[in-house]
Amino acid sequence: MACVTIRYWAAAREAAGVAEERQHADTLADLLATVSERHPGRLAAVLACCAFLVGDVPVG
């Protein structure tokens, strides 16, 4: 399980209420589920239409 730093931008930052956080996850899907549960409300909807980068590489 990797520990990653999540950096939120624009609407995702507003919905999460934080600019960044660290989290453990095996996959991007696991990570998205975890942060959506951790920040209930609009974040899940915002993440559904976001782009994701690992380092500088687009993923998802």
PDB file of N, CA and C in Angstrom:
ATOM      1  N   MET A   1       0.854  -1.169   0.000  1.00  0.00           N
ATOM      2  CA  MET A   1       0.000   0.000   0.000  1.00  0.00           C
ATOM      3  C   MET A   1       0.896   1.227   0.000  1.00  0.00           C
ATOM      4  N   ALA A   2       0.656   2.105  -0.928  1.00  0.00           N
ATOM      5  CA  ALA A   2       1.475   3.309  -1.061  1.00  0.00           C
ATOM      6  C   ALA A   2       0.884   4.466  -0.261  1.00  0.00           C
ATOM      7  N   CYS A   3       1.753   5.295   0.256  1.00  0.00           N
ATOM      8  CA  CYS A   3       1.329   6.535   0.903  1.00  0.00           C
ATOM      9  C   CYS A   3       1.530   7.649  -0.115  1.00  0.00           C
ATOM     10  N   VAL A   4       0.462   8.366  -0.429  1.00  0.00           N
ATOM     11  CA  VAL A   4       0.531   9.402  -1.446  1.00  0.00           C
ATOM     12  C   VAL A   4       0.117  10.745  -0.864  1.00  0.00           C
ATOM     13  N   THR A   5       0.599  11.800  -1.489  1.00  0.00           N
ATOM     14  CA  THR A   5       0.150  13.147  -1.163  1.00  0.00           C
ATOM     15  C   THR A   5      -0.856  13.554  -2.219  1.00  0.00           C
ATOM     16  N   ILE A   6      -2.032  13.913  -1.791  1.00  0.00           N
ATOM     17  CA  ILE A   6      -3.088  14.359  -2.687  1.00  0.00           C
ATOM     18  C   ILE A   6      -3.107  15.873  -2.645  1.00  0.00           C
ATOM     19  N   ARG A   7      -3.010  16.487  -3.799  1.00  0.00           N
ATOM     20  CA  ARG A   7      -3.104  17.946  -3.896  1.00  0.00           C
ATOM     21  C   ARG A   7      -4.382  18.287  -4.644  1.00  0.00           C
ATOM     22  N   TYR A   8      -5.239  19.017  -3.965  1.00  0.00           N
ATOM     23  CA  TYR A   8      -6.524  19.409  -4.547  1.00  0.00           C
ATOM     24  C   TYR A   8      -6.400  20.791  -5.172  1.00  0.00           C
ATOM     25  N   TRP A   9      -7.060  20.979  -6.297  1.00  0.00           N
ATOM     26  CA  TRP A   9      -7.042  22.255  -6.993  1.00  0.00           C
ATOM     27  C   TRP A   9      -8.470  22.710  -7.258  1.00  0.00           C
ATOM     28  N   ALA A  10      -8.684  24.014  -7.260  1.00  0.00           N
ATOM     29  CA  ALA A  10      -9.937  24.652  -7.658  1.00  0.00           C
ATOM     30  C   ALA A  10     -11.145  24.060  -6.921  1.00  0.00           C
ATOM     31  N   ALA A  11     -12.129  23.549  -7.656  1.00  0.00           N
ATOM     32  CA  ALA A  11     -13.377  23.051  -7.051  1.00  0.00           C
ATOM     33  C   ALA A  11     -13.119  21.879  -6.106  1.00  0.00           C
ATOM     34  N   ALA A  12     -12.147  21.037  -6.419  1.00  0.00           N
ATOM     35  CA  ALA A  12     -11.834  19.912  -5.538  1.00  0.00           C
ATOM     36  C   ALA A  12     -11.294  20.410  -4.200  1.00  0.00           C
ATOM     37  N   ARG A  13     -10.492  21.449  -4.236  1.00  0.00           N
ATOM     38  CA  ARG A  13      -9.960  22.034  -2.991  1.00  0.00           C
ATOM     39  C   ARG A  13     -11.095  22.602  -2.155  1.00  0.00           C
ATOM     40  N   GLU A  14     -11.999  23.286  -2.793  1.00  0.00           N
ATOM     41  CA  GLU A  14     -13.146  23.855  -2.082  1.00  0.00           C
ATOM     42  C   GLU A  14     -14.014  22.746  -1.480  1.00  0.00           C
ATOM     43  N   ALA A  15     -14.281  21.704  -2.251  1.00  0.00           N
ATOM     44  CA  ALA A  15     -15.135  20.613  -1.781  1.00  0.00           C
ATOM     45  C   ALA A  15     -14.474  19.807  -0.660  1.00  0.00           C
ATOM     46  N   ALA A  16     -13.164  19.606  -0.734  1.00  0.00           N
ATOM     47  CA  ALA A  16     -12.452  18.841   0.297  1.00  0.00           C
ATOM     48  C   ALA A  16     -12.215  19.673   1.556  1.00  0.00           C
ATOM     49  N   GLY A  17     -12.104  20.980   1.376  1.00  0.00           N
ATOM     50  CA  GLY A  17     -11.839  21.845   2.518  1.00  0.00           C
ATOM     51  C   GLY A  17     -10.384  21.882   2.929  1.00  0.00           C
ATOM     52  N   VAL A  18      -9.520  21.256   2.145  1.00  0.00           N
ATOM     53  CA  VAL A  18      -8.074  21.259   2.398  1.00  0.00           C
ATOM     54  C   VAL A  18      -7.343  21.365   1.059  1.00  0.00           C
ATOM     55  N   ALA A  19      -6.134  21.881   1.101  1.00  0.00           N
ATOM     56  CA  ALA A  19      -5.333  21.992  -0.123  1.00  0.00           C
ATOM     57  C   ALA A  19      -4.611  20.684  -0.446  1.00  0.00           C
ATOM     58  N   GLU A  20      -4.213  19.961   0.594  1.00  0.00           N
ATOM     59  CA  GLU A  20      -3.546  18.666   0.379  1.00  0.00           C
ATOM     60  C   GLU A  20      -3.651  17.802   1.618  1.00  0.00           C
ATOM     61  N   GLU A  21      -3.461  16.507   1.411  1.00  0.00           N
ATOM     62  CA  GLU A  21      -3.466  15.548   2.512  1.00  0.00           C
ATOM     63  C   GLU A  21      -2.710  14.303   2.079  1.00  0.00           C
ATOM     64  N   ARG A  22      -2.309  13.501   3.048  1.00  0.00           N
ATOM     65  CA  ARG A  22      -1.623  12.238   2.773  1.00  0.00           C
ATOM     66  C   ARG A  22      -2.595  11.111   3.061  1.00  0.00           C
ATOM     67  N   GLN A  23      -2.508  10.067   2.231  1.00  0.00           N
ATOM     68  CA  GLN A  23      -3.416   8.942   2.364  1.00  0.00           C
ATOM     69  C   GLN A  23      -2.737   7.677   1.859  1.00  0.00           C
ATOM     70  N   HIS A  24      -3.137   6.529   2.374  1.00  0.00           N
ATOM     71  CA  HIS A  24      -2.652   5.235   1.902  1.00  0.00           C
ATOM     72  C   HIS A  24      -3.683   4.627   0.975  1.00  0.00           C
ATOM     73  N   ALA A  25      -3.230   4.035  -0.146  1.00  0.00           N
ATOM     74  CA  ALA A  25      -4.149   3.370  -1.076  1.00  0.00           C
ATOM     75  C   ALA A  25      -3.359   2.453  -1.993  1.00  0.00           C
ATOM     76  N   ASP A  26      -4.041   1.404  -2.472  1.00  0.00           N
ATOM     77  CA  ASP A  26      -3.441   0.484  -3.437  1.00  0.00           C
ATOM     78  C   ASP A  26      -3.687   0.937  -4.872  1.00  0.00           C
ATOM     79  N   THR A  27      -4.856   1.528  -5.113  1.00  0.00           N
ATOM     80  CA  THR A  27      -5.217   1.933  -6.476  1.00  0.00           C
ATOM     81  C   THR A  27      -5.841   3.319  -6.446  1.00  0.00           C
ATOM     82  N   LEU A  28      -5.928   3.928  -7.613  1.00  0.00           N
ATOM     83  CA  LEU A  28      -6.590   5.227  -7.726  1.00  0.00           C
ATOM     84  C   LEU A  28      -8.048   5.100  -7.304  1.00  0.00           C
ATOM     85  N   ALA A  29      -8.722   4.029  -7.689  1.00  0.00           N
ATOM     86  CA  ALA A  29     -10.123   3.829  -7.311  1.00  0.00           C
ATOM     87  C   ALA A  29     -10.274   3.765  -5.794  1.00  0.00           C
ATOM     88  N   ASP A  30      -9.369   3.050  -5.130  1.00  0.00           N
ATOM     89  CA  ASP A  30      -9.407   2.986  -3.661  1.00  0.00           C
ATOM     90  C   ASP A  30      -9.200   4.364  -3.052  1.00  0.00           C
ATOM     91  N   LEU A  31      -8.268   5.093  -3.595  1.00  0.00           N
ATOM     92  CA  LEU A  31      -7.973   6.431  -3.093  1.00  0.00           C
ATOM     93  C   LEU A  31      -9.183   7.347  -3.235  1.00  0.00           C
ATOM     94  N   LEU A  32      -9.826   7.316  -4.391  1.00  0.00           N
ATOM     95  CA  LEU A  32     -10.988   8.175  -4.615  1.00  0.00           C
ATOM     96  C   LEU A  32     -12.127   7.816  -3.678  1.00  0.00           C
ATOM     97  N   ALA A  33     -12.336   6.528  -3.448  1.00  0.00           N
ATOM     98  CA  ALA A  33     -13.390   6.109  -2.523  1.00  0.00           C
ATOM     99  C   ALA A  33     -13.089   6.582  -1.108  1.00  0.00           C
ATOM    100  N   THR A  34     -11.848   6.450  -0.700  1.00  0.00           N
ATOM    101  CA  THR A  34     -11.458   6.848   0.653  1.00  0.00           C
ATOM    102  C   THR A  34     -11.621   8.336   0.876  1.00  0.00           C
ATOM    103  N   VAL A  35     -11.137   9.157  -0.049  1.00  0.00           N
ATOM    104  CA  VAL A  35     -11.242  10.607   0.164  1.00  0.00           C
ATOM    105  C   VAL A  35     -12.677  11.089   0.028  1.00  0.00           C
ATOM    106  N   SER A  36     -13.473  10.417  -0.799  1.00  0.00           N
ATOM    107  CA  SER A  36     -14.890  10.781  -0.911  1.00  0.00           C
ATOM    108  C   SER A  36     -15.622  10.511   0.397  1.00  0.00           C
ATOM    109  N   GLU A  37     -15.290   9.410   1.066  1.00  0.00           N
ATOM    110  CA  GLU A  37     -15.883   9.102   2.371  1.00  0.00           C
ATOM    111  C   GLU A  37     -15.375  10.058   3.443  1.00  0.00           C
ATOM    112  N   ARG A  38     -14.115  10.403   3.346  1.00  0.00           N
ATOM    113  CA  ARG A  38     -13.492  11.266   4.351  1.00  0.00           C
ATOM    114  C   ARG A  38     -14.022  12.694   4.287  1.00  0.00           C
ATOM    115  N   HIS A  39     -14.428  13.115   3.082  1.00  0.00           N
ATOM    116  CA  HIS A  39     -14.943  14.469   2.871  1.00  0.00           C
ATOM    117  C   HIS A  39     -16.328  14.375   2.225  1.00  0.00           C
ATOM    118  N   PRO A  40     -17.344  14.023   3.023  1.00  0.00           N
ATOM    119  CA  PRO A  40     -18.678  13.861   2.447  1.00  0.00           C
ATOM    120  C   PRO A  40     -19.203  15.189   1.886  1.00  0.00           C
ATOM    121  N   GLY A  41     -20.073  15.063   0.932  1.00  0.00           N
ATOM    122  CA  GLY A  41     -20.639  16.261   0.308  1.00  0.00           C
ATOM    123  C   GLY A  41     -20.335  16.265  -1.177  1.00  0.00           C
ATOM    124  N   ARG A  42     -19.856  17.387  -1.674  1.00  0.00           N
ATOM    125  CA  ARG A  42     -19.645  17.587  -3.107  1.00  0.00           C
ATOM    126  C   ARG A  42     -18.405  16.927  -3.681  1.00  0.00           C
ATOM    127  N   LEU A  43     -17.460  16.513  -2.858  1.00  0.00           N
ATOM    128  CA  LEU A  43     -16.177  16.048  -3.389  1.00  0.00           C
ATOM    129  C   LEU A  43     -16.332  14.888  -4.361  1.00  0.00           C
ATOM    130  N   ALA A  44     -17.155  13.910  -4.056  1.00  0.00           N
ATOM    131  CA  ALA A  44     -17.325  12.755  -4.955  1.00  0.00           C
ATOM    132  C   ALA A  44     -17.795  13.208  -6.335  1.00  0.00           C
ATOM    133  N   ALA A  45     -18.724  14.152  -6.392  1.00  0.00           N
ATOM    134  CA  ALA A  45     -19.219  14.657  -7.678  1.00  0.00           C
ATOM    135  C   ALA A  45     -18.132  15.417  -8.426  1.00  0.00           C
ATOM    136  N   VAL A  46     -17.347  16.186  -7.707  1.00  0.00           N
ATOM    137  CA  VAL A  46     -16.258  16.938  -8.345  1.00  0.00           C
ATOM    138  C   VAL A  46     -15.207  15.974  -8.891  1.00  0.00           C
ATOM    139  N   LEU A  47     -14.848  14.965  -8.105  1.00  0.00           N
ATOM    140  CA  LEU A  47     -13.829  14.010  -8.538  1.00  0.00           C
ATOM    141  C   LEU A  47     -14.272  13.202  -9.754  1.00  0.00           C
ATOM    142  N   ALA A  48     -15.566  13.025  -9.917  1.00  0.00           N
ATOM    143  CA  ALA A  48     -16.084  12.263 -11.064  1.00  0.00           C
ATOM    144  C   ALA A  48     -15.769  12.932 -12.395  1.00  0.00           C
ATOM    145  N   CYS A  49     -15.474  14.223 -12.372  1.00  0.00           N
ATOM    146  CA  CYS A  49     -15.173  14.915 -13.636  1.00  0.00           C
ATOM    147  C   CYS A  49     -13.781  15.542 -13.634  1.00  0.00           C
ATOM    148  N   CYS A  50     -12.894  15.055 -12.763  1.00  0.00           N
ATOM    149  CA  CYS A  50     -11.530  15.575 -12.666  1.00  0.00           C
ATOM    150  C   CYS A  50     -10.545  14.750 -13.484  1.00  0.00           C
ATOM    151  N   ALA A  51      -9.424  15.372 -13.775  1.00  0.00           N
ATOM    152  CA  ALA A  51      -8.261  14.669 -14.319  1.00  0.00           C
ATOM    153  C   ALA A  51      -7.337  14.370 -13.142  1.00  0.00           C
ATOM    154  N   PHE A  52      -6.559  13.299 -13.260  1.00  0.00           N
ATOM    155  CA  PHE A  52      -5.654  12.896 -12.186  1.00  0.00           C
ATOM    156  C   PHE A  52      -4.256  12.721 -12.737  1.00  0.00           C
ATOM    157  N   LEU A  53      -3.269  13.162 -11.972  1.00  0.00           N
ATOM    158  CA  LEU A  53      -1.872  13.016 -12.331  1.00  0.00           C
ATOM    159  C   LEU A  53      -1.161  12.240 -11.236  1.00  0.00           C
ATOM    160  N   VAL A  54      -0.290  11.343 -11.623  1.00  0.00           N
ATOM    161  CA  VAL A  54       0.644  10.710 -10.697  1.00  0.00           C
ATOM    162  C   VAL A  54       2.000  11.208 -11.147  1.00  0.00           C
ATOM    163  N   GLY A  55       2.593  12.043 -10.288  1.00  0.00           N
ATOM    164  CA  GLY A  55       3.774  12.787 -10.737  1.00  0.00           C
ATOM    165  C   GLY A  55       3.287  13.758 -11.798  1.00  0.00           C
ATOM    166  N   ASP A  56       3.821  13.653 -12.981  1.00  0.00           N
ATOM    167  CA  ASP A  56       3.363  14.493 -14.097  1.00  0.00           C
ATOM    168  C   ASP A  56       2.628  13.681 -15.156  1.00  0.00           C
ATOM    169  N   VAL A  57       2.284  12.448 -14.834  1.00  0.00           N
ATOM    170  CA  VAL A  57       1.690  11.540 -15.813  1.00  0.00           C
ATOM    171  C   VAL A  57       0.168  11.443 -15.600  1.00  0.00           C
ATOM    172  N   PRO A  58      -0.634  11.751 -16.624  1.00  0.00           N
ATOM    173  CA  PRO A  58      -2.078  11.591 -16.492  1.00  0.00           C
ATOM    174  C   PRO A  58      -2.437  10.116 -16.293  1.00  0.00           C
ATOM    175  N   VAL A  59      -3.349   9.853 -15.337  1.00  0.00           N
ATOM    176  CA  VAL A  59      -3.813   8.488 -15.080  1.00  0.00           C
ATOM    177  C   VAL A  59      -5.326   8.496 -14.923  1.00  0.00           C
ATOM    178  N   GLY A  60      -5.895   7.301 -14.879  1.00  0.00           N
ATOM    179  CA  GLY A  60      -7.310   7.200 -14.584  1.00  0.00           C
ATOM    180  C   GLY A  60      -8.085   6.754 -15.754  1.00  0.00           C
TER     181      GLY A  60
END
